[in-house]
């Protein structure tokens, strides 16, 4: 009998595939309670991204860098188009489009990012995306680059983390 994976387990697995790493698991049993711990290790982990592992000093340095960054220019210079991404976040509101899970560009959908646009009203970088025959816009901070071969994972990740913490 197979168990259905949770959203967190699916997200963890997608991140592992995107970065090309390994997952190790440990299980602790205490009476009627079972605790499962999963750890991800990237094969090509770059020390430049240690801010993402709880290093407070690196985090502060990186956040200062982000605050002064011209995101639109930096992202255009550091991303290779087109690339494949999955929508990992969704605020549940419809100001960027439908929230129906079957509608294009919805949560957990995979799409091609074909360009960027800036929305000054929301102060966000929008990804111009294509899913099937539909073309539209999704906040870049809602996406995770799923194919790291072109090096798009970390630029998208940095932008998403900055937006979430500004």
Protein backbone atom coordinates (compact mmCIF):
# COMPACT_ATOMS: atom_id res chain seq x y z
CA UNK A 1 0.00 0.00 0.00
CA UNK A 2 1.54 3.34 -1.03
CA UNK A 3 1.00 6.57 0.86
CA UNK A 4 0.23 9.85 -0.87
CA UNK A 5 3.08 12.33 -0.52
CA UNK A 6 2.43 15.62 1.29
CA UNK A 7 3.04 18.97 -0.42
CA UNK A 8 6.16 19.43 1.72
CA UNK A 9 7.52 16.03 0.65
CA UNK A 10 6.83 16.82 -3.02
CA UNK A 11 8.53 20.24 -2.71
CA UNK A 12 11.54 18.65 -0.96
CA UNK A 13 11.85 16.06 -3.75
CA UNK A 14 11.60 18.71 -6.50
CA UNK A 15 14.32 20.79 -4.86
CA UNK A 16 16.54 17.71 -4.63
CA UNK A 17 16.02 16.98 -8.33
CA UNK A 18 16.61 20.62 -9.30
CA UNK A 19 19.94 20.81 -7.50
CA UNK A 20 21.08 17.24 -8.08
CA UNK A 21 21.64 16.00 -4.55
CA UNK A 22 20.82 13.25 -2.11
CA UNK A 23 18.24 12.86 0.62
CA UNK A 24 18.97 11.05 3.86
CA UNK A 25 16.24 10.12 6.30
CA UNK A 26 16.14 9.12 9.94
CA UNK A 27 13.20 7.85 11.95
CA UNK A 28 12.69 8.17 15.71
CA UNK A 29 9.89 6.26 17.46
CA UNK A 30 8.66 7.43 20.87
CA UNK A 31 5.68 5.40 22.06
CA UNK A 32 2.89 6.02 19.57
CA UNK A 33 4.71 8.92 17.88
CA UNK A 34 7.06 8.64 14.93
CA UNK A 35 9.32 11.54 13.90
CA UNK A 36 10.87 11.51 10.42
CA UNK A 37 13.78 13.83 9.62
CA UNK A 38 14.93 14.35 6.03
CA UNK A 39 18.18 16.09 5.14
CA UNK A 40 19.12 17.32 1.68
CA UNK A 41 22.72 17.54 0.47
CA UNK A 42 23.44 19.13 -2.92
CA UNK A 43 26.15 17.50 -5.01
CA UNK A 44 27.59 20.81 -6.20
CA UNK A 45 26.85 22.98 -3.17
CA UNK A 46 28.44 26.38 -3.59
CA UNK A 47 29.73 28.12 -0.45
CA UNK A 48 28.28 31.34 -1.91
CA UNK A 49 24.85 30.05 -0.88
CA UNK A 50 25.66 29.31 2.77
CA UNK A 51 23.26 32.15 3.67
CA UNK A 52 20.53 29.63 2.90
CA UNK A 53 21.69 27.22 5.64
CA UNK A 54 21.10 29.32 8.75
CA UNK A 55 24.44 31.18 8.85
CA UNK A 56 23.27 34.49 10.38
CA UNK A 57 26.41 36.42 9.45
CA UNK A 58 26.22 35.31 5.80
CA UNK A 59 22.48 36.04 5.81
CA UNK A 60 23.02 39.64 6.98
CA UNK A 61 25.72 40.20 4.34
CA UNK A 62 23.54 38.72 1.59
CA UNK A 63 20.47 40.70 2.64
CA UNK A 64 22.45 43.97 2.49
CA UNK A 65 23.58 43.01 -1.01
CA UNK A 66 19.98 42.29 -2.03
CA UNK A 67 18.70 45.60 -0.66
CA UNK A 68 21.01 47.53 -2.98
CA UNK A 69 20.52 45.27 -6.01
CA UNK A 70 18.74 46.42 -9.18
CA UNK A 71 16.75 43.20 -9.41
CA UNK A 72 15.34 43.70 -12.88
CA UNK A 73 18.79 44.22 -14.44
CA UNK A 74 20.48 41.58 -12.30
CA UNK A 75 17.91 38.90 -13.11
CA UNK A 76 18.03 39.67 -16.83
CA UNK A 77 21.83 39.34 -16.70
CA UNK A 78 21.85 36.11 -14.63
CA UNK A 79 18.96 34.08 -16.03
CA UNK A 80 19.05 32.06 -19.25
CA UNK A 81 15.74 32.03 -21.13
CA UNK A 82 13.69 30.02 -21.65
CA UNK A 83 13.76 27.78 -18.58
CA UNK A 84 11.36 25.44 -16.85
CA UNK A 85 9.87 26.42 -13.49
CA UNK A 86 7.21 25.15 -11.12
CA UNK A 87 4.85 27.39 -9.17
CA UNK A 88 5.64 26.62 -5.54
CA UNK A 89 3.88 29.56 -3.92
CA UNK A 90 0.47 31.12 -4.43
CA UNK A 91 -1.11 33.72 -2.21
CA UNK A 92 -4.56 32.26 -2.91
CA UNK A 93 -5.83 35.53 -4.33
CA UNK A 94 -6.76 36.07 -7.93
CA UNK A 95 -5.18 39.44 -8.71
CA UNK A 96 -2.67 37.67 -10.98
CA UNK A 97 -5.20 35.27 -12.46
CA UNK A 98 -7.31 32.24 -11.68
CA UNK A 99 -6.69 30.19 -8.55
CA UNK A 100 -8.44 27.06 -9.85
CA UNK A 101 -5.84 24.27 -9.62
CA UNK A 102 -6.65 23.16 -13.17
CA UNK A 103 -6.24 26.66 -14.62
CA UNK A 104 -2.94 27.51 -16.32
CA UNK A 105 -0.20 28.98 -14.10
CA UNK A 106 -1.73 27.59 -10.88
CA UNK A 107 0.09 26.24 -7.82
CA UNK A 108 2.18 23.12 -8.52
CA UNK A 109 2.03 23.64 -12.30
CA UNK A 110 5.16 23.44 -14.43
CA UNK A 111 5.64 26.14 -17.07
CA UNK A 112 8.29 27.69 -19.34
CA UNK A 113 9.62 31.09 -18.33
CA UNK A 114 10.20 33.05 -21.53
CA UNK A 115 10.97 36.51 -20.16
CA UNK A 116 10.55 39.04 -17.36
CA UNK A 117 8.52 42.18 -16.80
CA UNK A 118 8.40 44.66 -13.93
CA UNK A 119 5.17 45.55 -12.14
CA UNK A 120 5.80 48.85 -10.35
CA UNK A 121 2.34 48.78 -8.72
CA UNK A 122 3.20 45.66 -6.76
CA UNK A 123 6.98 46.26 -6.85
CA UNK A 124 7.50 42.76 -8.24
CA UNK A 125 9.34 41.09 -11.07
CA UNK A 126 6.84 39.10 -13.11
CA UNK A 127 7.79 36.04 -15.12
CA UNK A 128 6.29 35.84 -18.59
CA UNK A 129 5.32 32.18 -18.76
CA UNK A 130 3.91 29.69 -21.21
CA UNK A 131 1.91 26.62 -20.19
CA UNK A 132 0.44 24.62 -23.03
CA UNK A 133 -1.01 27.15 -25.49
CA UNK A 134 -1.51 29.81 -22.81
CA UNK A 135 0.84 32.72 -22.14
CA UNK A 136 0.59 34.87 -19.02
CA UNK A 137 2.42 36.42 -16.07
CA UNK A 138 3.23 34.99 -12.63
CA UNK A 139 5.24 36.63 -9.83
CA UNK A 140 8.79 35.32 -10.20
CA UNK A 141 8.95 34.91 -6.42
CA UNK A 142 6.25 32.20 -6.70
CA UNK A 143 8.45 30.04 -8.94
CA UNK A 144 11.29 27.55 -8.49
CA UNK A 145 13.56 26.79 -11.45
CA UNK A 146 13.38 23.01 -11.83
CA UNK A 147 16.23 22.50 -14.29
CA UNK A 148 19.46 23.77 -12.77
CA UNK A 149 21.54 22.93 -15.84
CA UNK A 150 21.47 26.57 -16.94
CA UNK A 151 22.16 27.94 -13.46
CA UNK A 152 18.72 29.52 -13.01
CA UNK A 153 17.88 27.96 -9.64
CA UNK A 154 19.91 30.29 -7.41
CA UNK A 155 19.01 33.63 -9.05
CA UNK A 156 15.29 32.78 -8.80
CA UNK A 157 15.78 31.50 -5.23
CA UNK A 158 17.62 34.65 -4.14
CA UNK A 159 14.88 36.86 -5.54
CA UNK A 160 12.11 34.80 -3.87
CA UNK A 161 13.86 34.85 -0.48
CA UNK A 162 14.48 38.60 -0.73
CA UNK A 163 10.82 39.31 -1.59
CA UNK A 164 9.64 37.16 1.32
CA UNK A 165 11.90 39.00 3.79
CA UNK A 166 11.84 42.62 2.67
